[in-house]
N, C-alpha and C. Protein backbone atom coordinates (compact mmCIF):
# COMPACT_ATOMS: atom_id res chain seq x y z
N MET A 1 0.77 -1.08 -0.10
CA MET A 1 0.10 0.06 0.16
C MET A 1 0.75 1.27 -0.02
N ALA A 2 2.01 1.17 0.62
CA ALA A 2 2.88 2.41 0.69
C ALA A 2 3.57 2.71 -0.59
N LEU A 3 3.85 1.71 -1.32
CA LEU A 3 4.30 1.80 -2.77
C LEU A 3 3.27 2.41 -3.56
N LEU A 4 1.88 1.93 -3.48
CA LEU A 4 1.01 2.57 -4.32
C LEU A 4 0.93 4.07 -4.02
N SER A 5 1.01 4.27 -2.76
CA SER A 5 0.88 5.91 -2.31
C SER A 5 1.97 6.45 -2.80
N LEU A 6 3.09 6.06 -2.93
CA LEU A 6 4.36 6.90 -3.28
C LEU A 6 4.22 6.82 -4.92
N THR A 7 3.74 5.80 -5.42
CA THR A 7 3.65 6.02 -7.02
C THR A 7 2.65 7.17 -7.25
N LEU A 8 1.45 7.19 -6.67
CA LEU A 8 0.41 7.95 -6.93
C LEU A 8 0.67 9.54 -6.65
N ALA A 9 1.72 9.84 -5.62
CA ALA A 9 2.12 10.75 -5.23
C ALA A 9 3.23 11.59 -6.30
N ALA A 10 4.14 10.52 -6.74
CA ALA A 10 4.91 10.75 -7.99
C ALA A 10 4.31 11.26 -9.00
N VAL A 11 3.03 10.51 -9.62
CA VAL A 11 2.33 10.97 -10.65
C VAL A 11 1.73 12.24 -10.46
N ALA A 12 1.13 12.58 -9.36
CA ALA A 12 0.64 13.81 -8.79
C ALA A 12 1.88 15.01 -9.12
N LEU A 13 2.91 14.94 -8.80
CA LEU A 13 3.96 15.68 -9.12
C LEU A 13 4.33 16.10 -10.44
N LEU A 14 4.16 14.70 -11.20
CA LEU A 14 4.60 15.12 -12.50
C LEU A 14 3.36 15.83 -13.40
N VAL A 15 2.06 15.77 -13.07
CA VAL A 15 1.10 16.27 -13.62
C VAL A 15 0.27 17.30 -12.60
N PRO A 16 0.86 18.55 -12.69
CA PRO A 16 -0.02 19.50 -11.81
C PRO A 16 -1.72 19.45 -12.18
N ALA A 17 -2.27 20.07 -11.06
CA ALA A 17 -3.86 19.82 -11.28
C ALA A 17 -4.33 20.47 -12.64
N GLN A 18 -3.75 21.47 -12.98
CA GLN A 18 -4.13 22.31 -14.18
C GLN A 18 -3.51 21.60 -15.28
N SER A 19 -2.67 20.95 -15.18
CA SER A 19 -1.87 20.36 -16.36
C SER A 19 -2.81 19.41 -17.12
N LEU A 20 -2.39 19.14 -18.35
CA LEU A 20 -3.18 17.95 -19.07
C LEU A 20 -2.25 16.72 -19.39
N ALA A 21 -1.00 17.07 -19.09
CA ALA A 21 -0.02 16.06 -19.56
C ALA A 21 1.36 16.59 -18.68
N PRO A 22 2.43 15.76 -18.39
CA PRO A 22 3.58 16.13 -17.98
C PRO A 22 4.41 16.55 -19.35
N TYR A 23 5.42 17.63 -19.21
CA TYR A 23 6.20 17.64 -20.43
C TYR A 23 6.99 16.83 -20.83
N VAL A 24 7.00 16.14 -21.86
CA VAL A 24 7.71 15.34 -22.34
C VAL A 24 7.84 15.52 -23.91
N PRO A 25 8.94 16.28 -24.28
CA PRO A 25 9.23 16.51 -25.83
C PRO A 25 8.90 15.38 -26.83
N SER A 26 8.46 15.65 -27.90
CA SER A 26 8.37 14.64 -28.90
C SER A 26 9.34 14.89 -29.64
N PRO A 27 10.50 13.69 -30.02
CA PRO A 27 11.58 13.61 -30.76
C PRO A 27 11.35 14.23 -32.25
N PRO A 28 12.22 14.70 -32.72
CA PRO A 28 12.18 15.61 -34.10
C PRO A 28 11.80 14.62 -35.20
N GLU A 29 12.21 13.11 -35.11
CA GLU A 29 11.49 12.19 -36.15
C GLU A 29 10.19 12.05 -35.79
N VAL A 30 9.52 12.20 -34.62
CA VAL A 30 8.24 12.05 -34.39
C VAL A 30 7.33 13.34 -34.93
N VAL A 31 7.85 14.45 -34.58
CA VAL A 31 7.48 15.49 -35.02
C VAL A 31 7.09 15.57 -36.73
N ASP A 32 8.20 15.48 -37.16
CA ASP A 32 8.34 15.19 -38.73
C ASP A 32 7.29 14.20 -39.35
N ARG A 33 7.16 13.18 -38.63
CA ARG A 33 5.99 12.17 -38.87
C ARG A 33 4.72 12.90 -38.83
N MET A 34 4.40 13.53 -37.61
CA MET A 34 3.22 14.11 -37.35
C MET A 34 2.74 15.16 -38.49
N LEU A 35 3.56 15.98 -38.77
CA LEU A 35 3.36 16.84 -39.82
C LEU A 35 3.10 16.29 -41.16
N THR A 36 3.93 15.37 -41.61
CA THR A 36 3.45 14.58 -42.81
C THR A 36 2.32 14.01 -42.64
N LEU A 37 1.73 13.31 -41.53
CA LEU A 37 0.61 12.49 -41.34
C LEU A 37 -0.49 13.54 -41.71
N ALA A 38 -0.42 14.64 -40.87
CA ALA A 38 -1.25 16.09 -41.24
C ALA A 38 -1.57 16.46 -42.71
N GLY A 39 -0.56 16.37 -43.66
CA GLY A 39 -0.33 16.80 -44.87
C GLY A 39 -0.20 18.18 -44.54
N VAL A 40 0.63 18.88 -43.72
CA VAL A 40 0.79 20.09 -43.67
C VAL A 40 1.41 20.73 -45.14
N THR A 41 0.77 21.95 -45.41
CA THR A 41 1.08 22.76 -46.38
C THR A 41 1.50 24.08 -45.85
N PRO A 42 1.94 25.08 -46.84
CA PRO A 42 2.08 26.43 -46.48
C PRO A 42 1.04 27.31 -46.24
N GLN A 43 -0.41 26.75 -46.56
CA GLN A 43 -1.58 27.41 -46.35
C GLN A 43 -2.14 26.94 -44.97
N ASP A 44 -1.51 26.07 -44.26
CA ASP A 44 -2.08 25.58 -42.92
C ASP A 44 -1.57 26.64 -41.95
N VAL A 45 -2.47 26.54 -40.68
CA VAL A 45 -2.03 27.18 -39.36
C VAL A 45 -2.08 25.94 -38.72
N VAL A 46 -0.99 25.54 -37.84
CA VAL A 46 -0.58 24.50 -37.05
C VAL A 46 -0.76 25.08 -35.58
N TYR A 47 -1.70 24.40 -34.92
CA TYR A 47 -1.87 24.83 -33.16
C TYR A 47 -1.24 23.79 -32.76
N ASP A 48 -0.54 24.03 -31.88
CA ASP A 48 0.36 22.91 -30.89
C ASP A 48 -0.30 23.18 -29.65
N LEU A 49 -1.14 22.28 -29.04
CA LEU A 49 -1.69 22.44 -27.69
C LEU A 49 -0.86 21.83 -26.47
N GLY A 50 -0.26 22.47 -25.78
CA GLY A 50 0.87 22.01 -24.90
C GLY A 50 1.99 21.94 -25.73
N CYS A 51 2.31 23.09 -25.93
CA CYS A 51 3.50 23.15 -26.97
C CYS A 51 4.92 23.03 -26.42
N GLY A 52 5.09 22.95 -25.11
CA GLY A 52 6.42 23.09 -24.70
C GLY A 52 7.46 23.97 -25.20
N ASP A 53 8.97 23.06 -25.77
CA ASP A 53 9.66 24.12 -26.24
C ASP A 53 9.45 24.76 -27.76
N GLY A 54 8.00 24.54 -28.33
CA GLY A 54 7.48 24.97 -29.50
C GLY A 54 8.32 24.19 -30.83
N ARG A 55 8.76 22.98 -30.47
CA ARG A 55 9.21 22.40 -31.71
C ARG A 55 8.27 22.22 -32.72
N ILE A 56 7.11 21.83 -32.68
CA ILE A 56 6.08 21.66 -33.71
C ILE A 56 5.75 22.46 -34.39
N PRO A 57 5.42 23.76 -33.91
CA PRO A 57 5.03 25.05 -34.75
C PRO A 57 6.17 25.30 -35.56
N ILE A 58 7.42 25.36 -34.79
CA ILE A 58 8.67 25.88 -35.74
C ILE A 58 9.08 24.80 -36.67
N ALA A 59 8.95 23.60 -36.53
CA ALA A 59 9.11 22.50 -37.50
C ALA A 59 8.03 22.78 -38.79
N ALA A 60 6.84 23.11 -38.25
CA ALA A 60 5.98 23.33 -39.33
C ALA A 60 6.40 24.50 -40.29
N ALA A 61 6.71 25.73 -39.54
CA ALA A 61 7.30 26.82 -40.39
C ALA A 61 8.53 26.69 -41.07
N LYS A 62 9.47 26.01 -40.40
CA LYS A 62 10.63 25.93 -41.14
C LYS A 62 10.60 24.93 -42.41
N LYS A 63 9.73 23.86 -42.28
CA LYS A 63 9.93 22.95 -43.37
C LYS A 63 8.79 23.02 -44.49
N TYR A 64 7.58 23.54 -43.86
CA TYR A 64 6.45 23.67 -44.81
C TYR A 64 6.16 25.30 -44.96
N GLY A 65 6.68 26.04 -44.39
CA GLY A 65 6.39 27.18 -44.45
C GLY A 65 4.94 27.95 -43.98
N ALA A 66 4.18 26.97 -43.09
CA ALA A 66 2.94 26.99 -42.44
C ALA A 66 3.23 28.01 -41.26
N ARG A 67 2.10 28.46 -41.01
CA ARG A 67 1.89 29.52 -39.80
C ARG A 67 1.76 28.36 -38.57
N GLY A 68 2.32 28.94 -37.50
CA GLY A 68 2.10 28.08 -35.96
C GLY A 68 1.77 28.93 -34.80
N VAL A 69 1.16 28.15 -34.12
CA VAL A 69 0.68 28.80 -32.82
C VAL A 69 0.96 27.72 -31.72
N GLY A 70 1.55 28.04 -30.77
CA GLY A 70 1.93 27.11 -29.71
C GLY A 70 1.14 27.90 -28.50
N LEU A 71 0.50 26.83 -27.60
CA LEU A 71 -0.11 27.16 -26.41
C LEU A 71 0.24 26.40 -25.37
N ASP A 72 0.60 26.97 -24.13
CA ASP A 72 1.18 26.22 -23.11
C ASP A 72 0.88 27.03 -21.79
N ILE A 73 0.63 26.11 -20.58
CA ILE A 73 0.53 27.19 -19.49
C ILE A 73 1.78 27.18 -18.80
N ASP A 74 2.89 26.97 -18.95
CA ASP A 74 3.96 27.05 -18.53
C ASP A 74 4.85 28.22 -19.01
N PRO A 75 5.04 29.43 -18.33
CA PRO A 75 5.54 30.56 -18.98
C PRO A 75 7.27 30.38 -19.27
N ARG A 76 7.87 29.41 -18.55
CA ARG A 76 9.08 29.14 -18.91
C ARG A 76 9.11 28.46 -20.37
N ARG A 77 8.23 27.76 -20.66
CA ARG A 77 8.31 26.91 -21.73
C ARG A 77 7.82 27.84 -22.82
N ILE A 78 6.68 28.92 -22.66
CA ILE A 78 6.82 29.79 -23.95
C ILE A 78 7.78 30.67 -24.11
N GLU A 79 8.75 30.87 -23.13
CA GLU A 79 9.88 31.87 -23.31
C GLU A 79 10.96 31.13 -24.16
N GLU A 80 10.93 29.88 -23.67
CA GLU A 80 11.97 29.00 -24.27
C GLU A 80 11.45 28.81 -25.88
N ALA A 81 10.28 28.41 -26.11
CA ALA A 81 9.76 28.42 -27.44
C ALA A 81 9.85 29.80 -28.39
N ARG A 82 9.69 30.75 -27.83
CA ARG A 82 9.82 31.87 -28.24
C ARG A 82 11.40 32.09 -28.68
N ALA A 83 12.32 31.84 -27.87
CA ALA A 83 13.74 31.70 -28.39
C ALA A 83 14.16 30.98 -29.08
N ASN A 84 13.49 29.76 -29.29
CA ASN A 84 13.74 28.75 -30.20
C ASN A 84 13.44 29.02 -31.60
N ALA A 85 12.29 29.90 -31.68
CA ALA A 85 11.63 30.24 -32.92
C ALA A 85 12.74 31.30 -33.44
N ARG A 86 13.14 32.46 -32.58
CA ARG A 86 14.08 33.22 -32.87
C ARG A 86 15.10 32.63 -33.56
N ALA A 87 15.98 31.72 -32.83
CA ALA A 87 16.97 30.91 -33.34
C ALA A 87 16.95 30.14 -34.60
N ALA A 88 15.82 29.73 -34.81
CA ALA A 88 15.44 29.25 -36.22
C ALA A 88 14.97 29.90 -37.45
N GLY A 89 14.92 31.18 -36.90
CA GLY A 89 14.76 32.13 -37.85
C GLY A 89 13.14 32.30 -38.46
N VAL A 90 12.17 31.59 -37.79
CA VAL A 90 10.92 31.56 -37.99
C VAL A 90 9.85 32.44 -37.30
N GLU A 91 10.25 33.38 -36.42
CA GLU A 91 9.56 34.01 -35.55
C GLU A 91 8.51 34.78 -36.16
N HIS A 92 8.90 35.22 -37.43
CA HIS A 92 7.53 35.95 -38.18
C HIS A 92 6.58 34.69 -38.65
N LEU A 93 6.64 33.59 -38.61
CA LEU A 93 5.61 32.55 -38.83
C LEU A 93 4.83 31.91 -37.74
N VAL A 94 5.45 32.29 -36.69
CA VAL A 94 5.00 31.38 -35.14
C VAL A 94 4.74 32.33 -34.15
N GLU A 95 3.77 32.08 -33.38
CA GLU A 95 3.33 32.80 -32.19
C GLU A 95 3.20 31.73 -31.01
N PHE A 96 3.79 32.18 -29.70
CA PHE A 96 3.65 31.55 -28.69
C PHE A 96 2.74 32.10 -27.55
N ARG A 97 1.78 31.49 -27.08
CA ARG A 97 0.68 32.24 -26.13
C ARG A 97 0.76 31.41 -24.76
N LEU A 98 0.77 32.14 -23.55
CA LEU A 98 0.61 31.48 -22.49
C LEU A 98 -0.80 31.29 -22.19
N GLU A 99 -1.51 30.18 -22.34
CA GLU A 99 -2.90 29.96 -22.25
C GLU A 99 -3.28 28.62 -22.08
N ASP A 100 -4.36 28.45 -21.35
CA ASP A 100 -4.98 27.26 -21.17
C ASP A 100 -5.76 26.70 -22.38
N VAL A 101 -5.19 25.46 -22.84
CA VAL A 101 -5.80 24.93 -24.03
C VAL A 101 -7.31 24.55 -23.71
N MET A 102 -7.67 24.24 -22.51
CA MET A 102 -9.17 23.91 -22.51
C MET A 102 -10.21 25.12 -22.87
N THR A 103 -9.74 26.39 -22.76
CA THR A 103 -10.43 27.61 -22.98
C THR A 103 -9.84 28.66 -24.12
N ALA A 104 -9.14 28.13 -24.84
CA ALA A 104 -8.52 28.65 -25.93
C ALA A 104 -9.32 28.81 -27.05
N ASP A 105 -9.23 29.76 -27.95
CA ASP A 105 -9.92 29.78 -29.11
C ASP A 105 -9.03 29.09 -30.37
N VAL A 106 -9.24 27.93 -30.84
CA VAL A 106 -8.54 27.39 -31.77
C VAL A 106 -9.17 27.29 -33.20
N SER A 107 -10.26 28.21 -33.41
CA SER A 107 -11.07 28.24 -34.61
C SER A 107 -10.26 28.58 -35.77
N GLN A 108 -8.93 28.97 -35.65
CA GLN A 108 -8.17 29.42 -36.84
C GLN A 108 -7.23 28.39 -37.41
N ALA A 109 -7.27 27.15 -36.45
CA ALA A 109 -6.36 26.17 -36.86
C ALA A 109 -6.93 25.29 -37.81
N SER A 110 -6.03 24.80 -38.83
CA SER A 110 -6.41 23.87 -39.77
C SER A 110 -5.67 22.53 -39.46
N VAL A 111 -4.78 22.60 -38.50
CA VAL A 111 -3.82 21.54 -37.95
C VAL A 111 -3.96 21.62 -36.50
N VAL A 112 -4.23 20.54 -35.75
CA VAL A 112 -3.79 20.88 -34.23
C VAL A 112 -3.13 19.53 -33.85
N THR A 113 -1.87 19.76 -33.23
CA THR A 113 -1.17 18.75 -32.88
C THR A 113 -1.24 18.65 -31.01
N LEU A 114 -1.14 17.23 -30.63
CA LEU A 114 -1.43 17.07 -29.44
C LEU A 114 -0.26 15.88 -28.85
N TYR A 115 0.20 16.11 -27.57
CA TYR A 115 0.82 15.20 -26.76
C TYR A 115 0.77 15.09 -25.65
N LEU A 116 -0.74 14.93 -25.47
CA LEU A 116 -1.50 14.73 -24.17
C LEU A 116 -2.03 13.44 -23.82
N LEU A 117 -2.18 13.42 -22.52
CA LEU A 117 -2.84 11.94 -22.04
C LEU A 117 -4.26 11.95 -22.86
N SER A 118 -4.76 10.60 -22.91
CA SER A 118 -5.88 10.17 -23.36
C SER A 118 -7.14 10.83 -22.77
N SER A 119 -6.86 10.94 -21.55
CA SER A 119 -8.01 11.68 -20.65
C SER A 119 -8.16 13.08 -21.09
N SER A 120 -7.02 13.63 -21.20
CA SER A 120 -7.00 15.11 -21.48
C SER A 120 -7.58 15.11 -23.03
N ASN A 121 -7.12 14.28 -24.06
CA ASN A 121 -7.74 14.40 -25.32
C ASN A 121 -9.33 14.36 -25.07
N ALA A 122 -9.83 13.18 -24.37
CA ALA A 122 -11.23 13.30 -24.19
C ALA A 122 -11.87 14.45 -23.73
N LYS A 123 -11.16 15.18 -23.06
CA LYS A 123 -11.68 16.51 -22.39
C LYS A 123 -11.90 17.49 -23.66
N LEU A 124 -10.77 17.42 -24.37
CA LEU A 124 -10.75 18.55 -25.40
C LEU A 124 -11.53 18.21 -26.57
N ARG A 125 -11.83 16.95 -26.75
CA ARG A 125 -12.80 16.47 -27.96
C ARG A 125 -13.88 17.22 -28.21
N PRO A 126 -14.51 17.60 -27.51
CA PRO A 126 -16.01 18.44 -27.66
C PRO A 126 -15.69 19.78 -28.15
N MET A 127 -14.59 20.29 -27.50
CA MET A 127 -14.12 21.59 -27.88
C MET A 127 -13.71 21.67 -29.36
N LEU A 128 -12.89 20.93 -29.56
CA LEU A 128 -12.28 20.68 -30.93
C LEU A 128 -13.23 20.28 -31.94
N THR A 129 -14.10 19.58 -31.80
CA THR A 129 -15.14 19.02 -32.79
C THR A 129 -15.94 20.28 -33.04
N LYS A 130 -16.40 21.23 -32.18
CA LYS A 130 -17.25 22.08 -32.18
C LYS A 130 -16.70 23.39 -32.78
N THR A 131 -15.41 23.71 -32.39
CA THR A 131 -14.59 24.80 -32.88
C THR A 131 -14.06 24.79 -34.53
N LEU A 132 -13.33 23.42 -34.58
CA LEU A 132 -12.38 23.42 -35.82
C LEU A 132 -13.47 23.53 -37.08
N ARG A 133 -13.00 23.87 -38.18
CA ARG A 133 -13.87 23.79 -39.11
C ARG A 133 -13.75 22.22 -39.98
N PRO A 134 -14.70 22.03 -40.60
CA PRO A 134 -14.71 20.64 -41.50
C PRO A 134 -13.46 20.72 -42.34
N GLY A 135 -12.73 19.71 -42.30
CA GLY A 135 -11.44 19.52 -43.03
C GLY A 135 -10.34 19.70 -42.26
N ALA A 136 -10.49 20.29 -40.96
CA ALA A 136 -9.18 20.44 -40.28
C ALA A 136 -8.68 19.14 -39.74
N ARG A 137 -7.54 19.01 -39.29
CA ARG A 137 -6.83 17.57 -39.03
C ARG A 137 -6.47 17.64 -37.34
N ILE A 138 -6.53 16.85 -36.98
CA ILE A 138 -5.95 16.56 -35.49
C ILE A 138 -4.99 15.48 -35.47
N VAL A 139 -3.89 15.52 -35.16
CA VAL A 139 -2.73 14.61 -35.01
C VAL A 139 -2.31 14.40 -33.43
N SER A 140 -2.41 13.22 -32.99
CA SER A 140 -1.96 12.89 -31.58
C SER A 140 -0.73 12.03 -31.66
N HIS A 141 0.00 12.41 -30.76
CA HIS A 141 1.28 11.53 -30.39
C HIS A 141 0.92 10.70 -29.44
N ALA A 142 0.70 9.32 -29.70
CA ALA A 142 0.66 8.32 -28.42
C ALA A 142 -0.78 7.94 -27.93
N PHE A 143 -1.62 8.84 -27.92
CA PHE A 143 -2.78 8.87 -27.25
C PHE A 143 -4.13 9.18 -28.08
N SER A 144 -5.24 8.29 -28.06
CA SER A 144 -6.13 8.43 -29.07
C SER A 144 -7.29 9.30 -28.17
N MET A 145 -8.21 9.31 -29.06
CA MET A 145 -9.75 10.48 -28.43
C MET A 145 -10.68 9.65 -27.91
N GLY A 146 -10.36 8.18 -27.65
CA GLY A 146 -11.26 7.39 -26.96
C GLY A 146 -12.09 6.63 -28.04
N ALA A 147 -12.73 5.50 -27.69
CA ALA A 147 -13.38 4.68 -28.55
C ALA A 147 -14.70 5.10 -29.39
N GLU A 148 -15.18 6.41 -28.50
CA GLU A 148 -16.41 6.90 -29.13
C GLU A 148 -15.77 7.82 -30.44
N TRP A 149 -14.72 7.89 -30.46
CA TRP A 149 -14.00 8.75 -31.96
C TRP A 149 -12.86 7.89 -32.46
N PRO A 150 -12.99 7.07 -33.18
CA PRO A 150 -11.93 6.19 -33.74
C PRO A 150 -11.16 7.04 -34.72
N ALA A 151 -10.07 7.12 -34.70
CA ALA A 151 -8.99 7.75 -35.63
C ALA A 151 -9.22 7.39 -36.79
N ASP A 152 -9.12 8.29 -38.06
CA ASP A 152 -9.40 7.83 -39.33
C ASP A 152 -8.01 7.22 -39.83
N THR A 153 -6.75 7.40 -39.36
CA THR A 153 -5.67 6.99 -39.57
C THR A 153 -4.80 6.58 -38.38
N VAL A 154 -4.22 5.56 -38.14
CA VAL A 154 -3.31 5.07 -37.21
C VAL A 154 -1.94 4.59 -37.63
N ASP A 155 -0.96 5.47 -37.22
CA ASP A 155 0.35 5.08 -38.09
C ASP A 155 1.20 4.53 -36.82
N HIS A 156 1.44 3.32 -37.09
CA HIS A 156 2.48 2.77 -36.33
C HIS A 156 3.97 2.66 -36.80
N PHE A 157 4.98 3.09 -35.76
CA PHE A 157 6.28 2.88 -36.67
C PHE A 157 7.40 2.88 -35.61
N VAL A 158 8.63 2.58 -36.07
CA VAL A 158 9.54 2.19 -35.01
C VAL A 158 10.63 3.55 -35.38
N THR A 159 10.98 4.16 -34.35
CA THR A 159 12.06 5.37 -34.73
C THR A 159 13.47 4.74 -34.97
N SER A 160 14.40 5.72 -35.48
CA SER A 160 15.91 5.10 -35.66
C SER A 160 16.37 4.71 -34.28
N ALA A 161 15.82 5.22 -33.22
CA ALA A 161 16.28 4.95 -31.75
C ALA A 161 15.63 3.55 -31.31
N GLY A 162 14.70 3.18 -32.19
CA GLY A 162 13.97 1.70 -31.74
C GLY A 162 12.89 1.67 -30.97
N ASP A 163 12.40 3.14 -30.73
CA ASP A 163 11.06 3.29 -30.03
C ASP A 163 9.91 3.00 -30.74
N GLU A 164 8.96 2.32 -30.27
CA GLU A 164 7.58 2.00 -31.10
C GLU A 164 6.62 3.33 -30.52
N ILE A 165 6.43 3.82 -31.86
CA ILE A 165 5.54 4.99 -31.78
C ILE A 165 4.12 4.79 -32.40
N THR A 166 3.03 5.40 -31.85
CA THR A 166 1.61 5.34 -32.51
C THR A 166 1.28 6.85 -32.68
N LEU A 167 0.81 7.11 -33.97
CA LEU A 167 0.25 8.73 -33.94
C LEU A 167 -1.16 8.10 -34.41
N TYR A 168 -2.09 9.29 -34.30
CA TYR A 168 -3.74 8.98 -34.61
C TYR A 168 -3.72 10.28 -35.29
N LEU A 169 -4.55 10.27 -36.41
CA LEU A 169 -5.31 11.49 -37.32
C LEU A 169 -6.52 11.04 -37.38
N TRP A 170 -7.19 12.33 -37.08
CA TRP A 170 -8.54 12.66 -37.40
C TRP A 170 -8.89 13.76 -38.19
N LYS A 171 -9.94 13.40 -39.26
CA LYS A 171 -10.37 14.66 -39.95
C LYS A 171 -11.76 15.30 -39.31
N VAL A 172 -11.77 16.57 -39.10
CA VAL A 172 -12.91 17.06 -38.58
C VAL A 172 -13.91 17.03 -39.62
N ASP A 173 -15.33 16.63 -39.48
CA ASP A 173 -16.21 16.53 -40.18
C ASP A 173 -17.36 17.66 -39.81
N GLY A 174 -17.45 18.10 -38.94
CA GLY A 174 -18.40 19.15 -38.53
C GLY A 174 -19.21 18.38 -37.47
N GLN A 175 -19.15 17.40 -36.92
CA GLN A 175 -19.97 16.68 -36.17
C GLN A 175 -19.38 16.77 -34.70
N VAL A 176 -20.19 17.61 -33.59
CA VAL A 176 -19.58 17.78 -32.48
C VAL A 176 -19.62 16.38 -31.67
N ARG A 177 -18.45 15.93 -31.06
CA ARG A 177 -18.21 14.67 -30.37
C ARG A 177 -18.11 14.99 -28.73
N HIS A 178 -18.89 14.12 -28.04
CA HIS A 178 -18.68 14.39 -26.51
C HIS A 178 -18.04 13.51 -25.96
């Protein structure tokens, strides 16, 4: 029982009450695969919910010429993301906002990327399906949106480091899913 209490305490430390997931950056190889799976083009606006260091919007801008918006609740991560965008020379294409993704306006997004827990994706699902325009794409690293909304595409692959990765892609069709 003490071990269970210690494990639950450790998880609580990793995921603060307002957080939807601990900060774990997606490897560059996974970021590239997510953007490819979403079919990102220069016409897209890529929103990364829980953007961390900004690597997904920065990669979308750098590789595809897309505009990017990163949202995170950690001010240190937002500052890091802004510095990374400057260093990559794409600060004119990306912006980073200190914002709670649960209440954010994502209506301008044509692509939304996520690396959140399944329970967090499920909490976001109604907002995303209500707000995003038909044709928008959602890509999640590792976690689904629940059985109520199966992914349109599931991509399983092994990275060059030997990690087994699963990506999920949904295409928004205008139906609100709770």
